[in-house]
Structures are given as structure tokens and as C-alpha cells.
Amino acid sequence: MAKKAKKGGQGTPATVALENAGVPFTVHAYEHDPAAATYGGEAAELLGVPADQVFKTLVADVDGTLTVGVVPVSGKLDLKALAAAVGGKRAAMAEPAAAERSSGYVLGGISPLGQRRPLRTVLDDTVLAHPTVYVSAGRRGLEVELAPADLVALTKALTAPIGR
């Protein structure tokens, strides 16, 4: 059974989506430092988890359509590979305001789960190499741990080699 987010305002659209789907997950909170160089790197370090097991959610514009790319925080999103994975020609990072407006989350807290407007999603294929993975729970300082297969199913994602 799903582990519920702790009381005190940690419930987010991402955790609500997981609860509603009946998917097992664990919420991990940490004290976010606004001066941190990277959100994902900070999460991996403070949670004591290998950086290749923590995934960041990035929103890109592929041929005029917003698309989510989810890659390990230890790497970068390969925009050409993302475009190719969805049959597109050209990809660029989305404007921050467009990413926030579409997802309903702030930068550094964008989750692939529970987005305001679900977008087509591509997960780096390395996600399948782990028993569990960590993604943003929808707020800076809050991660959710779940099985990769559940993440793929809930986001209706493709898996492809989109990280480098």
C-alpha cells in the first residue's frame, strides 16, 4: 500500500496521484538550501543516494510541443535524442515560465507525476536498471521513491537513451 505523505503540507499533486493509483512509494524530505548548485545533486547528496538513481524532470519544446525528459541527475538531457525518441526533428529547453505553467510546479520541484497538464514523457532507459528510483515529489526538498515500472506506467512514458 502507498505510504502517505507526512502531515504538515507535504501532500502534493504527485503524491496524491501515487496514492490514487495505489502505487507503493516513500516520501523523502530534506532541508533544501536555496544556494545549492543543482537541485538534483543536492537531493542525491542529502538523501545519501547514488546520483544515477535520482532523476530530474526537464521540460523541453519538441517541434512546438512541450515534452518531459527524465534523466539521472548525474547526467544531462540529450535534446537531439529526446526529439528522436518522440519522432521530432528539433528540441530546445522550454521557457521556464512555460514549464511551470504547464506542470503546475516551480523549477527545481517539477515532478513527472501529477502534472497540471500531462505531457508526453520520455524516461532515460537507465531508469530500468534500478530497483527503485527517486523523482521530485513536486516541491524543492521533497523526493518520492518508487519502482521504475510504476513511474513508466503512471506517466505513460517511453523509455529511450536520452541522457548523456
C-alpha atoms as a PDB file:
ATOM      1  CA  MET A   1       0.000   0.000   0.000  1.00  0.00           C
ATOM      2  CA  ALA A   2       1.144   3.526  -0.655  1.00  0.00           C
ATOM      3  CA  LYS A   3       2.900   5.330   2.119  1.00  0.00           C
ATOM      4  CA  LYS A   4       1.110   8.596   2.677  1.00  0.00           C
ATOM      5  CA  ALA A   5       2.950  11.875   2.774  1.00  0.00           C
ATOM      6  CA  LYS A   6       3.510  13.100   6.277  1.00  0.00           C
ATOM      7  CA  LYS A   7       1.211  15.736   7.651  1.00  0.00           C
ATOM      8  CA  GLY A   8       2.386  19.302   7.576  1.00  0.00           C
ATOM      9  CA  GLY A   9       1.794  20.227   3.971  1.00  0.00           C
ATOM     10  CA  GLN A  10       3.891  17.558   2.232  1.00  0.00           C
ATOM     11  CA  GLY A  11       0.960  16.272   0.174  1.00  0.00           C
ATOM     12  CA  THR A  12       1.484  17.382  -3.423  1.00  0.00           C
ATOM     13  CA  PRO A  13      -0.281  16.579  -6.698  1.00  0.00           C
ATOM     14  CA  ALA A  14       2.488  13.997  -7.296  1.00  0.00           C
ATOM     15  CA  THR A  15       1.889  12.158  -4.020  1.00  0.00           C
ATOM     16  CA  VAL A  16      -1.878  12.404  -4.469  1.00  0.00           C
ATOM     17  CA  ALA A  17      -1.516  10.816  -7.937  1.00  0.00           C
ATOM     18  CA  LEU A  18       0.526   7.982  -6.436  1.00  0.00           C
ATOM     19  CA  GLU A  19      -1.984   7.451  -3.618  1.00  0.00           C
ATOM     20  CA  ASN A  20      -4.906   7.464  -6.051  1.00  0.00           C
ATOM     21  CA  ALA A  21      -3.144   4.882  -8.233  1.00  0.00           C
ATOM     22  CA  GLY A  22      -2.447   2.661  -5.217  1.00  0.00           C
ATOM     23  CA  VAL A  23       1.245   2.596  -6.066  1.00  0.00           C
ATOM     24  CA  PRO A  24       3.755   1.869  -3.278  1.00  0.00           C
ATOM     25  CA  PHE A  25       6.074   4.827  -2.680  1.00  0.00           C
ATOM     26  CA  THR A  26       8.076   6.533   0.017  1.00  0.00           C
ATOM     27  CA  VAL A  27       8.385  10.275   0.528  1.00  0.00           C
ATOM     28  CA  HIS A  28      11.826  11.595   1.461  1.00  0.00           C
ATOM     29  CA  ALA A  29      12.144  15.154   2.748  1.00  0.00           C
ATOM     30  CA  TYR A  30      15.365  17.102   3.178  1.00  0.00           C
ATOM     31  CA  GLU A  31      16.236  20.685   4.019  1.00  0.00           C
ATOM     32  CA  HIS A  32      16.631  22.464   0.667  1.00  0.00           C
ATOM     33  CA  ASP A  33      19.429  25.033   0.532  1.00  0.00           C
ATOM     34  CA  PRO A  34      18.482  27.913  -1.822  1.00  0.00           C
ATOM     35  CA  ALA A  35      22.202  28.337  -2.597  1.00  0.00           C
ATOM     36  CA  ALA A  36      22.583  24.729  -3.821  1.00  0.00           C
ATOM     37  CA  ALA A  37      24.298  24.473  -7.208  1.00  0.00           C
ATOM     38  CA  THR A  38      21.838  21.861  -8.519  1.00  0.00           C
ATOM     39  CA  TYR A  39      18.536  20.637  -7.142  1.00  0.00           C
ATOM     40  CA  GLY A  40      19.021  17.002  -8.103  1.00  0.00           C
ATOM     41  CA  GLY A  41      22.621  16.824  -6.937  1.00  0.00           C
ATOM     42  CA  GLU A  42      21.571  18.300  -3.628  1.00  0.00           C
ATOM     43  CA  ALA A  43      18.819  15.684  -3.271  1.00  0.00           C
ATOM     44  CA  ALA A  44      21.182  12.793  -4.002  1.00  0.00           C
ATOM     45  CA  GLU A  45      23.785  14.072  -1.554  1.00  0.00           C
ATOM     46  CA  LEU A  46      21.415  14.861   1.297  1.00  0.00           C
ATOM     47  CA  LEU A  47      19.464  11.625   0.907  1.00  0.00           C
ATOM     48  CA  GLY A  48      22.653   9.553   0.612  1.00  0.00           C
ATOM     49  CA  VAL A  49      21.562   8.014  -2.685  1.00  0.00           C
ATOM     50  CA  PRO A  50      23.724   7.440  -5.793  1.00  0.00           C
ATOM     51  CA  ALA A  51      23.211  10.285  -8.283  1.00  0.00           C
ATOM     52  CA  ASP A  52      22.354   7.835 -11.069  1.00  0.00           C
ATOM     53  CA  GLN A  53      19.329   6.659  -9.046  1.00  0.00           C
ATOM     54  CA  VAL A  54      17.900  10.193  -8.631  1.00  0.00           C
ATOM     55  CA  PHE A  55      16.182  11.532 -11.735  1.00  0.00           C
ATOM     56  CA  LYS A  56      15.484  15.128 -12.743  1.00  0.00           C
ATOM     57  CA  THR A  57      12.450  16.223 -14.699  1.00  0.00           C
ATOM     58  CA  LEU A  58      13.120  18.641 -17.544  1.00  0.00           C
ATOM     59  CA  VAL A  59      10.591  20.209 -19.880  1.00  0.00           C
ATOM     60  CA  ALA A  60      11.615  20.732 -23.488  1.00  0.00           C
ATOM     61  CA  ASP A  61       9.915  22.090 -26.582  1.00  0.00           C
ATOM     62  CA  VAL A  62       9.991  19.465 -29.336  1.00  0.00           C
ATOM     63  CA  ASP A  63       8.755  20.882 -32.636  1.00  0.00           C
ATOM     64  CA  GLY A  64       6.364  23.199 -30.764  1.00  0.00           C
ATOM     65  CA  THR A  65       5.067  20.590 -28.305  1.00  0.00           C
ATOM     66  CA  LEU A  66       6.106  20.563 -24.657  1.00  0.00           C
ATOM     67  CA  THR A  67       7.692  17.234 -23.773  1.00  0.00           C
ATOM     68  CA  VAL A  68       9.099  15.917 -20.494  1.00  0.00           C
ATOM     69  CA  GLY A  69      12.539  14.309 -20.384  1.00  0.00           C
ATOM     70  CA  VAL A  70      13.532  12.483 -17.193  1.00  0.00           C
ATOM     71  CA  VAL A  71      17.253  11.744 -16.794  1.00  0.00           C
ATOM     72  CA  PRO A  72      19.660  10.912 -13.961  1.00  0.00           C
ATOM     73  CA  VAL A  73      20.866  13.968 -12.049  1.00  0.00           C
ATOM     74  CA  SER A  74      24.412  12.741 -12.733  1.00  0.00           C
ATOM     75  CA  GLY A  75      23.981  13.482 -16.445  1.00  0.00           C
ATOM     76  CA  LYS A  76      22.370  15.820 -18.935  1.00  0.00           C
ATOM     77  CA  LEU A  77      19.403  15.654 -21.256  1.00  0.00           C
ATOM     78  CA  ASP A  78      20.392  14.977 -24.874  1.00  0.00           C
ATOM     79  CA  LEU A  79      17.897  17.171 -26.731  1.00  0.00           C
ATOM     80  CA  LYS A  80      18.520  15.503 -30.110  1.00  0.00           C
ATOM     81  CA  ALA A  81      17.884  12.080 -28.584  1.00  0.00           C
ATOM     82  CA  LEU A  82      14.705  13.352 -26.901  1.00  0.00           C
ATOM     83  CA  ALA A  83      13.402  14.709 -30.200  1.00  0.00           C
ATOM     84  CA  ALA A  84      14.245  11.444 -31.969  1.00  0.00           C
ATOM     85  CA  ALA A  85      12.513   9.392 -29.252  1.00  0.00           C
ATOM     86  CA  VAL A  86       9.195  11.138 -29.944  1.00  0.00           C
ATOM     87  CA  GLY A  87       9.620  11.320 -33.710  1.00  0.00           C
ATOM     88  CA  GLY A  88      10.530  15.009 -33.683  1.00  0.00           C
ATOM     89  CA  LYS A  89      13.191  16.957 -35.506  1.00  0.00           C
ATOM     90  CA  ARG A  90      14.251  19.746 -33.155  1.00  0.00           C
ATOM     91  CA  ALA A  91      14.214  20.192 -29.394  1.00  0.00           C
ATOM     92  CA  ALA A  92      15.161  23.049 -27.091  1.00  0.00           C
ATOM     93  CA  MET A  93      14.656  23.582 -23.389  1.00  0.00           C
ATOM     94  CA  ALA A  94      11.238  25.095 -22.706  1.00  0.00           C
ATOM     95  CA  GLU A  95      10.971  28.590 -21.313  1.00  0.00           C
ATOM     96  CA  PRO A  96      10.904  28.318 -17.504  1.00  0.00           C
ATOM     97  CA  ALA A  97       7.547  30.078 -17.279  1.00  0.00           C
ATOM     98  CA  ALA A  98       6.020  27.664 -19.807  1.00  0.00           C
ATOM     99  CA  ALA A  99       7.369  24.663 -17.875  1.00  0.00           C
ATOM    100  CA  GLU A 100       5.954  25.983 -14.602  1.00  0.00           C
ATOM    101  CA  ARG A 101       2.602  26.934 -16.119  1.00  0.00           C
ATOM    102  CA  SER A 102       2.168  23.579 -17.835  1.00  0.00           C
ATOM    103  CA  SER A 103       3.287  21.391 -14.920  1.00  0.00           C
ATOM    104  CA  GLY A 104       1.858  23.395 -12.036  1.00  0.00           C
ATOM    105  CA  TYR A 105       5.206  23.117 -10.251  1.00  0.00           C
ATOM    106  CA  VAL A 106       8.119  25.511  -9.703  1.00  0.00           C
ATOM    107  CA  LEU A 107      11.536  24.916 -11.246  1.00  0.00           C
ATOM    108  CA  GLY A 108      13.557  22.582  -9.086  1.00  0.00           C
ATOM    109  CA  GLY A 109      10.343  20.922  -7.955  1.00  0.00           C
ATOM    110  CA  ILE A 110       8.837  19.786 -11.257  1.00  0.00           C
ATOM    111  CA  SER A 111       7.672  16.202 -10.937  1.00  0.00           C
ATOM    112  CA  PRO A 112       6.825  13.887 -13.814  1.00  0.00           C
ATOM    113  CA  LEU A 113       3.814  12.845 -11.703  1.00  0.00           C
ATOM    114  CA  GLY A 114       0.612  14.778 -11.048  1.00  0.00           C
ATOM    115  CA  GLN A 115       1.265  17.490 -13.591  1.00  0.00           C
ATOM    116  CA  ARG A 116      -1.467  20.057 -14.193  1.00  0.00           C
ATOM    117  CA  ARG A 117      -1.438  19.168 -17.885  1.00  0.00           C
ATOM    118  CA  PRO A 118       0.067  15.723 -18.522  1.00  0.00           C
ATOM    119  CA  LEU A 119       2.718  15.923 -21.221  1.00  0.00           C
ATOM    120  CA  ARG A 120       4.272  13.199 -23.318  1.00  0.00           C
ATOM    121  CA  THR A 121       7.135  11.858 -21.262  1.00  0.00           C
ATOM    122  CA  VAL A 122      10.371  10.066 -22.065  1.00  0.00           C
ATOM    123  CA  LEU A 123      12.419   8.409 -19.327  1.00  0.00           C
ATOM    124  CA  ASP A 124      16.082   7.688 -19.855  1.00  0.00           C
ATOM    125  CA  ASP A 125      16.356   3.926 -20.282  1.00  0.00           C
ATOM    126  CA  THR A 126      18.791   3.672 -17.346  1.00  0.00           C
ATOM    127  CA  VAL A 127      15.742   4.078 -15.096  1.00  0.00           C
ATOM    128  CA  LEU A 128      15.076   0.362 -15.586  1.00  0.00           C
ATOM    129  CA  ALA A 129      18.461  -0.611 -14.074  1.00  0.00           C
ATOM    130  CA  HIS A 130      17.375   0.280 -10.519  1.00  0.00           C
ATOM    131  CA  PRO A 131      15.032  -1.479  -8.085  1.00  0.00           C
ATOM    132  CA  THR A 132      13.700   1.956  -7.074  1.00  0.00           C
ATOM    133  CA  VAL A 133      14.291   5.495  -8.321  1.00  0.00           C
ATOM    134  CA  TYR A 134      13.795   8.957  -6.867  1.00  0.00           C
ATOM    135  CA  VAL A 135      11.990  11.819  -8.613  1.00  0.00           C
ATOM    136  CA  SER A 136      10.728  15.136  -7.356  1.00  0.00           C
ATOM    137  CA  ALA A 137       7.575  14.863  -5.291  1.00  0.00           C
ATOM    138  CA  GLY A 138       6.533  18.296  -6.551  1.00  0.00           C
ATOM    139  CA  ARG A 139       8.418  20.612  -4.232  1.00  0.00           C
ATOM    140  CA  ARG A 140      12.031  21.537  -3.639  1.00  0.00           C
ATOM    141  CA  GLY A 141      13.288  19.434  -0.743  1.00  0.00           C
ATOM    142  CA  LEU A 142      10.850  16.592  -1.329  1.00  0.00           C
ATOM    143  CA  GLU A 143      11.541  13.417  -3.327  1.00  0.00           C
ATOM    144  CA  VAL A 144       9.445  10.335  -3.898  1.00  0.00           C
ATOM    145  CA  GLU A 145      10.943   6.852  -4.225  1.00  0.00           C
ATOM    146  CA  LEU A 146       9.114   4.293  -6.343  1.00  0.00           C
ATOM    147  CA  ALA A 147       9.624   1.337  -8.665  1.00  0.00           C
ATOM    148  CA  PRO A 148      10.693   2.295 -12.210  1.00  0.00           C
ATOM    149  CA  ALA A 149       7.876   0.236 -13.741  1.00  0.00           C
ATOM    150  CA  ASP A 150       5.337   2.235 -11.731  1.00  0.00           C
ATOM    151  CA  LEU A 151       6.909   5.512 -12.874  1.00  0.00           C
ATOM    152  CA  VAL A 152       6.752   4.363 -16.506  1.00  0.00           C
ATOM    153  CA  ALA A 153       3.127   3.243 -16.152  1.00  0.00           C
ATOM    154  CA  LEU A 154       1.850   6.332 -14.320  1.00  0.00           C
ATOM    155  CA  THR A 155       3.500   8.791 -16.716  1.00  0.00           C
ATOM    156  CA  LYS A 156       2.663   6.666 -19.790  1.00  0.00           C
ATOM    157  CA  ALA A 157       6.306   7.212 -20.683  1.00  0.00           C
ATOM    158  CA  LEU A 158       8.520   5.879 -23.404  1.00  0.00           C
ATOM    159  CA  THR A 159      11.973   4.735 -22.343  1.00  0.00           C
ATOM    160  CA  ALA A 160      14.890   5.678 -24.571  1.00  0.00           C
ATOM    161  CA  PRO A 161      18.573   6.600 -24.255  1.00  0.00           C
ATOM    162  CA  ILE A 162      18.039  10.355 -23.790  1.00  0.00           C
ATOM    163  CA  GLY A 163      20.730  11.045 -21.187  1.00  0.00           C
ATOM    164  CA  ARG A 164      24.420  11.665 -21.718  1.00  0.00           C
END
